[in-house]
Amino acid sequence: MKAVVLREVGGDLALEEWPDPSGIVVDVKAAGINFADVLVRRGLYPQMPTLPYVLGMEVAGLLNGRPVAAFAHAAGGYAERVEVNPGFVFDLPEGASFAAGAAFLTTYLTAHIPLSLAHRAETVLVHAGAGGVGAAAIQLAKRRGAYVIATASTPEKREWAGGRGADDVRGYDEIDDLHVDLVLDSVGGKVFTRSLPLLNPLGTIVAIGFADGLWRDPSVQWLVGRNASVVGVYLNRLVKLQPDYVRACAEELLELWRRGEIDPPIGATFPLADARDAHALIEARRHVGKVVLEA
């Protein structure tokens, strides 16, 4: 079969022959690209795989003729076929595209889990609101009745995030006057540090990703003094350690999708052979929504 293979850190993403998978195998129609894939290619992911390696943790495709969305068993989604985790295979809603299926699981679970744990979040700040997780978070927070403020780096991205339902959209340098109950942060670095003082008493900041650099640990004394908390979300590990909980969350989200209450945000699609161009779009910070490869 054909697969997109990474043979060295920083190397090319080349479409080449790769051994067929075994186990429960999905014929891939679309594969979601996550920022973790970019970090692996750069050599910056905390748990680096052994190279050569086929990227891609989530796919949509056909399992014995059934349209499904699934998590890969051990990556390998940038391919024509992939072995999937049998506990995380879900039938797609009727009429849903494969691209939407590949844009669904990671984005919505990453946004849904911290939102479901935040009982007092009347005002929510979503960083990178034009990204896949950010757009999902806007939809889910609005559904819970929150006032949602989103950040984005360009006027075009801010307009797009506003179109997804954000009540207020700002640049990253326009947040210092805010007071919020919950921050969902997939940016990290200085943005995370600047967001801590924005929390209301008993507020929470959720560390999701570090696209702008690793976090600087806040002191426990500061958190106690501010009545604030920091929560981390690392979906891949949660899938392994709490599979029943994550599966139940996915089923809840699928029901919302079937009822038309959420809509996976597809920003761009690329053929499998153009995975390098898809990564370049993400690294240039020019994308909105989820970037998807189509096999």
C-alpha atoms as a PDB file:
ATOM      1  CA  MET A   1       0.000   0.000   0.000  1.00  0.00           C
ATOM      2  CA  LYS A   2       0.980   3.673  -0.218  1.00  0.00           C
ATOM      3  CA  ALA A   3       1.787   5.699   2.907  1.00  0.00           C
ATOM      4  CA  VAL A   4       3.405   9.027   3.759  1.00  0.00           C
ATOM      5  CA  VAL A   5       6.683   8.093   5.449  1.00  0.00           C
ATOM      6  CA  LEU A   6       8.921  10.247   7.661  1.00  0.00           C
ATOM      7  CA  ARG A   7      12.440   8.813   7.589  1.00  0.00           C
ATOM      8  CA  GLU A   8      14.394  11.456   9.515  1.00  0.00           C
ATOM      9  CA  VAL A   9      13.732  14.404  11.802  1.00  0.00           C
ATOM     10  CA  GLY A  10      13.034  17.457   9.683  1.00  0.00           C
ATOM     11  CA  GLY A  11      12.939  15.298   6.576  1.00  0.00           C
ATOM     12  CA  ASP A  12      10.516  15.070   3.721  1.00  0.00           C
ATOM     13  CA  LEU A  13       7.062  13.514   3.902  1.00  0.00           C
ATOM     14  CA  ALA A  14       7.247  11.150   0.966  1.00  0.00           C
ATOM     15  CA  LEU A  15       4.512   8.932  -0.442  1.00  0.00           C
ATOM     16  CA  GLU A  16       6.015   5.475  -0.855  1.00  0.00           C
ATOM     17  CA  GLU A  17       5.328   1.772  -0.486  1.00  0.00           C
ATOM     18  CA  TRP A  18       4.760   0.593   3.092  1.00  0.00           C
ATOM     19  CA  PRO A  19       3.774  -2.799   4.556  1.00  0.00           C
ATOM     20  CA  ASP A  20       0.069  -3.513   4.851  1.00  0.00           C
ATOM     21  CA  PRO A  21      -1.318  -3.343   8.410  1.00  0.00           C
ATOM     22  CA  SER A  22      -2.846  -6.252  10.292  1.00  0.00           C
ATOM     23  CA  GLY A  23      -5.577  -6.426  12.930  1.00  0.00           C
ATOM     24  CA  ILE A  24      -8.731  -4.346  12.498  1.00  0.00           C
ATOM     25  CA  VAL A  25      -8.027  -2.325   9.366  1.00  0.00           C
ATOM     26  CA  VAL A  26      -9.836   0.718   7.978  1.00  0.00           C
ATOM     27  CA  ASP A  27      -9.599   1.723   4.326  1.00  0.00           C
ATOM     28  CA  VAL A  28      -8.613   5.351   4.840  1.00  0.00           C
ATOM     29  CA  LYS A  29     -10.554   8.033   3.002  1.00  0.00           C
ATOM     30  CA  ALA A  30      -9.343  10.971   5.103  1.00  0.00           C
ATOM     31  CA  ALA A  31      -6.736  11.528   7.820  1.00  0.00           C
ATOM     32  CA  GLY A  32      -6.696  14.410  10.260  1.00  0.00           C
ATOM     33  CA  ILE A  33      -3.506  16.403  10.767  1.00  0.00           C
ATOM     34  CA  ASN A  34      -2.776  17.470  14.333  1.00  0.00           C
ATOM     35  CA  PHE A  35      -0.064  19.825  15.546  1.00  0.00           C
ATOM     36  CA  ALA A  36       1.475  16.830  17.320  1.00  0.00           C
ATOM     37  CA  ASP A  37       2.288  15.474  13.837  1.00  0.00           C
ATOM     38  CA  VAL A  38       4.197  18.660  13.055  1.00  0.00           C
ATOM     39  CA  LEU A  39       6.091  18.373  16.347  1.00  0.00           C
ATOM     40  CA  VAL A  40       7.069  14.771  15.581  1.00  0.00           C
ATOM     41  CA  ARG A  41       8.419  15.793  12.174  1.00  0.00           C
ATOM     42  CA  ARG A  42      10.436  18.571  13.843  1.00  0.00           C
ATOM     43  CA  GLY A  43      11.750  16.206  16.508  1.00  0.00           C
ATOM     44  CA  LEU A  44      10.072  18.199  19.283  1.00  0.00           C
ATOM     45  CA  TYR A  45       7.392  15.774  20.463  1.00  0.00           C
ATOM     46  CA  PRO A  46       7.948  14.633  24.078  1.00  0.00           C
ATOM     47  CA  GLN A  47       7.573  10.938  23.187  1.00  0.00           C
ATOM     48  CA  MET A  48       9.334  10.642  19.851  1.00  0.00           C
ATOM     49  CA  PRO A  49       8.614   7.492  17.830  1.00  0.00           C
ATOM     50  CA  THR A  50      11.240   5.343  16.164  1.00  0.00           C
ATOM     51  CA  LEU A  51      11.862   6.367  12.563  1.00  0.00           C
ATOM     52  CA  PRO A  52      10.917   5.583   9.818  1.00  0.00           C
ATOM     53  CA  TYR A  53       7.363   6.350  10.836  1.00  0.00           C
ATOM     54  CA  VAL A  54       3.935   7.010   9.357  1.00  0.00           C
ATOM     55  CA  LEU A  55       2.190   9.937  11.040  1.00  0.00           C
ATOM     56  CA  GLY A  56      -1.516  10.279  11.719  1.00  0.00           C
ATOM     57  CA  MET A  57      -3.551   9.334  14.791  1.00  0.00           C
ATOM     58  CA  GLU A  58      -7.104   9.803  13.510  1.00  0.00           C
ATOM     59  CA  VAL A  59      -8.827   8.740  10.329  1.00  0.00           C
ATOM     60  CA  ALA A  60     -12.169   8.312   8.657  1.00  0.00           C
ATOM     61  CA  GLY A  61     -12.896   5.620   6.141  1.00  0.00           C
ATOM     62  CA  LEU A  62     -14.555   2.263   5.557  1.00  0.00           C
ATOM     63  CA  LEU A  63     -14.499  -0.685   7.950  1.00  0.00           C
ATOM     64  CA  ASN A  64     -16.141  -3.647   6.216  1.00  0.00           C
ATOM     65  CA  GLY A  65     -18.157  -1.129   4.200  1.00  0.00           C
ATOM     66  CA  ARG A  66     -19.220   0.959   7.240  1.00  0.00           C
ATOM     67  CA  PRO A  67     -18.303   4.673   7.190  1.00  0.00           C
ATOM     68  CA  VAL A  68     -16.410   5.249  10.444  1.00  0.00           C
ATOM     69  CA  ALA A  69     -14.172   7.668  12.321  1.00  0.00           C
ATOM     70  CA  ALA A  70     -11.416   6.060  14.363  1.00  0.00           C
ATOM     71  CA  PHE A  71      -8.211   6.473  16.293  1.00  0.00           C
ATOM     72  CA  ALA A  72      -5.274   4.616  14.794  1.00  0.00           C
ATOM     73  CA  HIS A  73      -3.833   1.787  16.872  1.00  0.00           C
ATOM     74  CA  ALA A  74      -0.308   3.226  16.823  1.00  0.00           C
ATOM     75  CA  ALA A  75      -0.327   6.092  14.331  1.00  0.00           C
ATOM     76  CA  GLY A  76      -0.071   5.314  10.625  1.00  0.00           C
ATOM     77  CA  GLY A  77      -3.108   7.280   9.467  1.00  0.00           C
ATOM     78  CA  TYR A  78      -1.369   9.020   6.551  1.00  0.00           C
ATOM     79  CA  ALA A  79      -1.867   5.906   4.448  1.00  0.00           C
ATOM     80  CA  GLU A  80      -4.297   3.995   2.270  1.00  0.00           C
ATOM     81  CA  ARG A  81      -5.062   1.575   5.126  1.00  0.00           C
ATOM     82  CA  VAL A  82      -4.431   1.639   8.865  1.00  0.00           C
ATOM     83  CA  GLU A  83      -4.906  -0.615  11.875  1.00  0.00           C
ATOM     84  CA  VAL A  84      -7.308   1.077  14.288  1.00  0.00           C
ATOM     85  CA  ASN A  85      -7.955   0.907  18.006  1.00  0.00           C
ATOM     86  CA  PRO A  86     -11.011  -1.373  18.272  1.00  0.00           C
ATOM     87  CA  GLY A  87     -12.362   0.566  21.256  1.00  0.00           C
ATOM     88  CA  PHE A  88     -12.356   3.841  19.347  1.00  0.00           C
ATOM     89  CA  VAL A  89     -14.192   3.135  16.103  1.00  0.00           C
ATOM     90  CA  PHE A  90     -17.411   5.107  15.669  1.00  0.00           C
ATOM     91  CA  ASP A  91     -20.036   5.078  12.943  1.00  0.00           C
ATOM     92  CA  LEU A  92     -20.207   8.403  11.140  1.00  0.00           C
ATOM     93  CA  PRO A  93     -23.509  10.283  11.252  1.00  0.00           C
ATOM     94  CA  GLU A  94     -25.622   9.769   8.159  1.00  0.00           C
ATOM     95  CA  GLY A  95     -24.497  12.089   5.369  1.00  0.00           C
ATOM     96  CA  ALA A  96     -21.268  13.126   7.086  1.00  0.00           C
ATOM     97  CA  SER A  97     -18.230  13.447   4.856  1.00  0.00           C
ATOM     98  CA  PHE A  98     -15.050  11.507   5.499  1.00  0.00           C
ATOM     99  CA  ALA A  99     -13.171  14.807   5.813  1.00  0.00           C
ATOM    100  CA  ALA A 100     -15.514  15.850   8.625  1.00  0.00           C
ATOM    101  CA  GLY A 101     -14.988  12.473  10.274  1.00  0.00           C
ATOM    102  CA  ALA A 102     -11.229  12.985  10.237  1.00  0.00           C
ATOM    103  CA  ALA A 103     -11.724  16.464  11.742  1.00  0.00           C
ATOM    104  CA  PHE A 104     -13.898  15.288  14.621  1.00  0.00           C
ATOM    105  CA  LEU A 105     -12.426  13.113  17.356  1.00  0.00           C
ATOM    106  CA  THR A 106      -9.313  14.955  18.527  1.00  0.00           C
ATOM    107  CA  THR A 107     -10.667  18.481  18.203  1.00  0.00           C
ATOM    108  CA  TYR A 108     -13.976  17.901  19.940  1.00  0.00           C
ATOM    109  CA  LEU A 109     -12.714  15.592  22.672  1.00  0.00           C
ATOM    110  CA  THR A 110      -9.890  18.004  23.516  1.00  0.00           C
ATOM    111  CA  ALA A 111     -12.377  20.858  23.863  1.00  0.00           C
ATOM    112  CA  HIS A 112     -15.233  18.889  25.440  1.00  0.00           C
ATOM    113  CA  ILE A 113     -13.383  17.220  28.307  1.00  0.00           C
ATOM    114  CA  PRO A 114     -12.198  20.396  30.091  1.00  0.00           C
ATOM    115  CA  LEU A 115     -15.484  22.189  29.370  1.00  0.00           C
ATOM    116  CA  SER A 116     -17.445  19.327  30.907  1.00  0.00           C
ATOM    117  CA  LEU A 117     -15.353  19.611  34.087  1.00  0.00           C
ATOM    118  CA  ALA A 118     -15.813  23.394  34.396  1.00  0.00           C
ATOM    119  CA  HIS A 119     -19.080  23.921  36.251  1.00  0.00           C
ATOM    120  CA  ARG A 120     -18.919  27.711  36.707  1.00  0.00           C
ATOM    121  CA  ALA A 121     -17.528  28.840  33.365  1.00  0.00           C
ATOM    122  CA  GLU A 122     -19.798  31.717  32.375  1.00  0.00           C
ATOM    123  CA  THR A 123     -17.018  33.535  30.505  1.00  0.00           C
ATOM    124  CA  VAL A 124     -14.593  31.466  28.418  1.00  0.00           C
ATOM    125  CA  LEU A 125     -11.447  32.629  26.631  1.00  0.00           C
ATOM    126  CA  VAL A 126     -10.454  30.372  23.725  1.00  0.00           C
ATOM    127  CA  HIS A 127      -6.961  30.936  22.380  1.00  0.00           C
ATOM    128  CA  ALA A 128      -6.304  30.081  18.720  1.00  0.00           C
ATOM    129  CA  GLY A 129     -10.022  30.289  18.059  1.00  0.00           C
ATOM    130  CA  ALA A 130      -9.509  29.783  14.326  1.00  0.00           C
ATOM    131  CA  GLY A 131      -7.797  26.421  14.808  1.00  0.00           C
ATOM    132  CA  GLY A 132      -9.480  23.044  14.882  1.00  0.00           C
ATOM    133  CA  VAL A 133      -9.624  22.701  18.670  1.00  0.00           C
ATOM    134  CA  GLY A 134     -10.422  26.395  19.090  1.00  0.00           C
ATOM    135  CA  ALA A 135     -13.349  26.288  16.687  1.00  0.00           C
ATOM    136  CA  ALA A 136     -14.701  23.171  18.390  1.00  0.00           C
ATOM    137  CA  ALA A 137     -14.326  24.857  21.783  1.00  0.00           C
ATOM    138  CA  ILE A 138     -16.266  27.917  20.612  1.00  0.00           C
ATOM    139  CA  GLN A 139     -19.166  25.746  19.450  1.00  0.00           C
ATOM    140  CA  LEU A 140     -19.251  23.672  22.624  1.00  0.00           C
ATOM    141  CA  ALA A 141     -18.856  26.604  25.030  1.00  0.00           C
ATOM    142  CA  LYS A 142     -21.638  28.555  23.295  1.00  0.00           C
ATOM    143  CA  ARG A 143     -23.855  25.502  23.511  1.00  0.00           C
ATOM    144  CA  ARG A 144     -23.299  25.567  27.305  1.00  0.00           C
ATOM    145  CA  GLY A 145     -24.431  29.181  27.425  1.00  0.00           C
ATOM    146  CA  ALA A 146     -21.026  30.787  28.000  1.00  0.00           C
ATOM    147  CA  TYR A 147     -19.913  34.183  26.767  1.00  0.00           C
ATOM    148  CA  VAL A 148     -16.979  33.275  24.503  1.00  0.00           C
ATOM    149  CA  ILE A 149     -13.964  35.427  23.708  1.00  0.00           C
ATOM    150  CA  ALA A 150     -11.601  34.052  21.064  1.00  0.00           C
ATOM    151  CA  THR A 151      -8.100  35.104  20.062  1.00  0.00           C
ATOM    152  CA  ALA A 152      -6.495  34.777  16.641  1.00  0.00           C
ATOM    153  CA  SER A 153      -3.393  36.187  14.998  1.00  0.00           C
ATOM    154  CA  THR A 154      -4.822  37.931  11.905  1.00  0.00           C
ATOM    155  CA  PRO A 155      -7.951  39.921  11.017  1.00  0.00           C
ATOM    156  CA  GLU A 156      -9.000  37.147   8.630  1.00  0.00           C
ATOM    157  CA  LYS A 157      -8.722  34.488  11.320  1.00  0.00           C
ATOM    158  CA  ARG A 158     -10.550  36.691  13.817  1.00  0.00           C
ATOM    159  CA  GLU A 159     -13.385  37.166  11.350  1.00  0.00           C
ATOM    160  CA  TRP A 160     -13.534  33.400  10.809  1.00  0.00           C
ATOM    161  CA  ALA A 161     -13.638  32.705  14.555  1.00  0.00           C
ATOM    162  CA  GLY A 162     -16.417  35.244  14.951  1.00  0.00           C
ATOM    163  CA  GLY A 163     -18.324  33.429  12.255  1.00  0.00           C
ATOM    164  CA  ARG A 164     -18.075  30.240  14.305  1.00  0.00           C
ATOM    165  CA  GLY A 165     -19.980  31.935  17.131  1.00  0.00           C
ATOM    166  CA  ALA A 166     -17.466  33.803  19.323  1.00  0.00           C
ATOM    167  CA  ASP A 167     -19.056  36.811  21.046  1.00  0.00           C
ATOM    168  CA  ASP A 168     -15.800  38.800  21.046  1.00  0.00           C
ATOM    169  CA  VAL A 169     -12.637  38.221  19.010  1.00  0.00           C
ATOM    170  CA  ARG A 170      -9.256  39.795  19.759  1.00  0.00           C
ATOM    171  CA  GLY A 171      -5.582  39.720  18.922  1.00  0.00           C
ATOM    172  CA  TYR A 172      -3.205  38.169  21.412  1.00  0.00           C
ATOM    173  CA  ASP A 173      -2.016  41.631  22.486  1.00  0.00           C
ATOM    174  CA  GLU A 174      -5.557  42.765  23.336  1.00  0.00           C
ATOM    175  CA  ILE A 175      -6.418  40.477  26.254  1.00  0.00           C
ATOM    176  CA  ASP A 176      -4.945  42.170  29.326  1.00  0.00           C
ATOM    177  CA  ASP A 177      -8.218  43.822  30.413  1.00  0.00           C
ATOM    178  CA  LEU A 178     -10.209  40.578  30.410  1.00  0.00           C
ATOM    179  CA  HIS A 179     -11.640  38.743  33.421  1.00  0.00           C
ATOM    180  CA  VAL A 180     -12.697  35.181  32.635  1.00  0.00           C
ATOM    181  CA  ASP A 181     -13.688  31.957  34.366  1.00  0.00           C
ATOM    182  CA  LEU A 182     -11.982  29.538  31.998  1.00  0.00           C
ATOM    183  CA  VAL A 183      -9.115  29.756  29.504  1.00  0.00           C
ATOM    184  CA  LEU A 184      -8.604  27.038  26.896  1.00  0.00           C
ATOM    185  CA  ASP A 185      -5.028  27.449  25.696  1.00  0.00           C
ATOM    186  CA  SER A 186      -3.460  25.486  22.863  1.00  0.00           C
ATOM    187  CA  VAL A 187      -0.742  28.118  22.316  1.00  0.00           C
ATOM    188  CA  GLY A 188       1.411  27.883  25.454  1.00  0.00           C
ATOM    189  CA  GLY A 189       4.538  29.978  25.945  1.00  0.00           C
ATOM    190  CA  LYS A 190       4.003  33.668  26.713  1.00  0.00           C
ATOM    191  CA  VAL A 191       0.296  33.485  25.881  1.00  0.00           C
ATOM    192  CA  PHE A 192      -0.233  30.997  28.723  1.00  0.00           C
ATOM    193  CA  THR A 193       1.713  33.179  31.167  1.00  0.00           C
ATOM    194  CA  ARG A 194      -0.189  36.333  30.165  1.00  0.00           C
ATOM    195  CA  SER A 195      -3.494  34.519  30.565  1.00  0.00           C
ATOM    196  CA  LEU A 196      -3.013  33.508  34.210  1.00  0.00           C
ATOM    197  CA  PRO A 197      -3.819  36.964  35.686  1.00  0.00           C
ATOM    198  CA  LEU A 198      -7.053  37.086  33.669  1.00  0.00           C
ATOM    199  CA  LEU A 199      -8.677  34.343  35.740  1.00  0.00           C
ATOM    200  CA  ASN A 200     -11.534  35.200  38.065  1.00  0.00           C
ATOM    201  CA  PRO A 201     -11.418  33.661  41.571  1.00  0.00           C
ATOM    202  CA  LEU A 202     -11.842  29.868  41.265  1.00  0.00           C
ATOM    203  CA  GLY A 203     -11.053  30.166  37.565  1.00  0.00           C
ATOM    204  CA  THR A 204      -9.160  27.563  35.559  1.00  0.00           C
ATOM    205  CA  ILE A 205      -6.678  27.657  32.718  1.00  0.00           C
ATOM    206  CA  VAL A 206      -6.445  24.506  30.611  1.00  0.00           C
ATOM    207  CA  ALA A 207      -3.074  23.736  29.038  1.00  0.00           C
ATOM    208  CA  ILE A 208      -3.764  21.875  25.789  1.00  0.00           C
ATOM    209  CA  GLY A 209      -0.784  22.535  23.521  1.00  0.00           C
ATOM    210  CA  PHE A 210       2.422  24.484  23.141  1.00  0.00           C
ATOM    211  CA  ALA A 211       2.450  25.776  19.571  1.00  0.00           C
ATOM    212  CA  ASP A 212       4.268  28.922  20.789  1.00  0.00           C
ATOM    213  CA  GLY A 213       6.647  27.168  23.168  1.00  0.00           C
ATOM    214  CA  LEU A 214       6.612  25.192  26.408  1.00  0.00           C
ATOM    215  CA  TRP A 215       4.909  26.488  29.537  1.00  0.00           C
ATOM    216  CA  ARG A 216       6.637  28.202  32.425  1.00  0.00           C
ATOM    217  CA  ASP A 217       5.390  26.527  35.573  1.00  0.00           C
ATOM    218  CA  PRO A 218       3.295  28.885  37.722  1.00  0.00           C
ATOM    219  CA  SER A 219       4.176  28.763  41.386  1.00  0.00           C
ATOM    220  CA  VAL A 220       1.800  27.007  43.756  1.00  0.00           C
ATOM    221  CA  GLN A 221       1.866  30.122  45.962  1.00  0.00           C
ATOM    222  CA  TRP A 222       0.588  32.252  43.090  1.00  0.00           C
ATOM    223  CA  LEU A 223      -2.208  29.804  42.291  1.00  0.00           C
ATOM    224  CA  VAL A 224      -3.278  29.594  45.925  1.00  0.00           C
ATOM    225  CA  GLY A 225      -3.209  33.359  46.300  1.00  0.00           C
ATOM    226  CA  ARG A 226      -5.332  33.840  43.191  1.00  0.00           C
ATOM    227  CA  ASN A 227      -7.736  30.968  43.936  1.00  0.00           C
ATOM    228  CA  ALA A 228      -6.872  29.659  40.470  1.00  0.00           C
ATOM    229  CA  SER A 229      -6.102  26.256  39.003  1.00  0.00           C
ATOM    230  CA  VAL A 230      -4.217  24.802  36.051  1.00  0.00           C
ATOM    231  CA  VAL A 231      -5.502  21.678  34.288  1.00  0.00           C
ATOM    232  CA  GLY A 232      -3.626  19.717  31.650  1.00  0.00           C
ATOM    233  CA  VAL A 233      -5.256  17.788  28.810  1.00  0.00           C
ATOM    234  CA  TYR A 234      -3.172  15.170  26.967  1.00  0.00           C
ATOM    235  CA  LEU A 235      -5.711  13.224  24.960  1.00  0.00           C
ATOM    236  CA  ASN A 236      -3.469  10.393  23.728  1.00  0.00           C
ATOM    237  CA  ARG A 237      -2.586   9.358  27.272  1.00  0.00           C
ATOM    238  CA  LEU A 238      -6.143   9.800  28.510  1.00  0.00           C
ATOM    239  CA  VAL A 239      -7.314   7.396  25.802  1.00  0.00           C
ATOM    240  CA  LYS A 240      -4.913   4.792  27.206  1.00  0.00           C
ATOM    241  CA  LEU A 241      -5.573   5.386  30.917  1.00  0.00           C
ATOM    242  CA  GLN A 242      -9.306   6.222  30.937  1.00  0.00           C
ATOM    243  CA  PRO A 243     -10.680   4.622  27.765  1.00  0.00           C
ATOM    244  CA  ASP A 244     -14.241   4.158  29.059  1.00  0.00           C
ATOM    245  CA  TYR A 245     -14.506   7.836  30.017  1.00  0.00           C
ATOM    246  CA  VAL A 246     -13.116   9.074  26.691  1.00  0.00           C
ATOM    247  CA  ARG A 247     -15.359   6.684  24.741  1.00  0.00           C
ATOM    248  CA  ALA A 248     -18.421   7.936  26.610  1.00  0.00           C
ATOM    249  CA  CYS A 249     -17.427  11.525  25.814  1.00  0.00           C
ATOM    250  CA  ALA A 250     -17.059  10.629  22.127  1.00  0.00           C
ATOM    251  CA  GLU A 251     -20.513   9.018  22.069  1.00  0.00           C
ATOM    252  CA  GLU A 252     -22.000  12.139  23.667  1.00  0.00           C
ATOM    253  CA  LEU A 253     -20.366  14.329  21.037  1.00  0.00           C
ATOM    254  CA  LEU A 254     -21.482  12.052  18.215  1.00  0.00           C
ATOM    255  CA  GLU A 255     -25.067  12.435  19.360  1.00  0.00           C
ATOM    256  CA  LEU A 256     -24.684  16.223  19.230  1.00  0.00           C
ATOM    257  CA  TRP A 257     -23.301  15.873  15.696  1.00  0.00           C
ATOM    258  CA  ARG A 258     -26.186  13.644  14.625  1.00  0.00           C
ATOM    259  CA  ARG A 259     -28.634  16.270  15.915  1.00  0.00           C
ATOM    260  CA  GLY A 260     -26.820  19.011  13.988  1.00  0.00           C
ATOM    261  CA  GLU A 261     -25.710  20.864  17.122  1.00  0.00           C
ATOM    262  CA  ILE A 262     -22.013  20.778  16.207  1.00  0.00           C
ATOM    263  CA  ASP A 263     -20.236  20.897  12.864  1.00  0.00           C
ATOM    264  CA  PRO A 264     -16.576  19.764  12.494  1.00  0.00           C
ATOM    265  CA  PRO A 265     -14.529  22.690  11.168  1.00  0.00           C
ATOM    266  CA  ILE A 266     -12.711  21.662   7.982  1.00  0.00           C
ATOM    267  CA  GLY A 267     -10.333  24.396   6.907  1.00  0.00           C
ATOM    268  CA  ALA A 268      -8.426  22.759   4.045  1.00  0.00           C
ATOM    269  CA  THR A 269      -8.029  19.385   2.356  1.00  0.00           C
ATOM    270  CA  PHE A 270      -4.977  18.016   0.532  1.00  0.00           C
ATOM    271  CA  PRO A 271      -4.308  14.799  -1.378  1.00  0.00           C
ATOM    272  CA  LEU A 272      -2.261  12.263   0.560  1.00  0.00           C
ATOM    273  CA  ALA A 273       0.702  12.902  -1.751  1.00  0.00           C
ATOM    274  CA  ASP A 274       0.714  16.577  -0.710  1.00  0.00           C
ATOM    275  CA  ALA A 275       1.174  16.005   3.033  1.00  0.00           C
ATOM    276  CA  ARG A 276       4.283  18.192   2.946  1.00  0.00           C
ATOM    277  CA  ASP A 277       2.229  21.147   1.645  1.00  0.00           C
ATOM    278  CA  ALA A 278      -0.430  20.541   4.295  1.00  0.00           C
ATOM    279  CA  HIS A 279       2.213  20.685   7.044  1.00  0.00           C
ATOM    280  CA  ALA A 280       3.672  23.833   5.495  1.00  0.00           C
ATOM    281  CA  LEU A 281       0.276  25.541   5.667  1.00  0.00           C
ATOM    282  CA  ILE A 282      -0.002  24.726   9.378  1.00  0.00           C
ATOM    283  CA  GLU A 283       3.568  25.785  10.173  1.00  0.00           C
ATOM    284  CA  ALA A 284       3.004  29.103   8.384  1.00  0.00           C
ATOM    285  CA  ARG A 285      -0.020  29.678  10.673  1.00  0.00           C
ATOM    286  CA  ARG A 286      -2.169  30.376   7.612  1.00  0.00           C
ATOM    287  CA  HIS A 287      -4.796  27.696   8.166  1.00  0.00           C
ATOM    288  CA  VAL A 288      -8.190  27.875   9.834  1.00  0.00           C
ATOM    289  CA  GLY A 289     -10.119  24.906  11.185  1.00  0.00           C
ATOM    290  CA  LYS A 290      -8.781  21.386  10.709  1.00  0.00           C
ATOM    291  CA  VAL A 291      -6.419  20.437   7.894  1.00  0.00           C
ATOM    292  CA  VAL A 292      -7.217  17.026   6.421  1.00  0.00           C
ATOM    293  CA  LEU A 293      -5.495  14.633   4.007  1.00  0.00           C
ATOM    294  CA  GLU A 294      -7.703  12.736   1.571  1.00  0.00           C
ATOM    295  CA  ALA A 295      -6.586   9.320   0.359  1.00  0.00           C
END
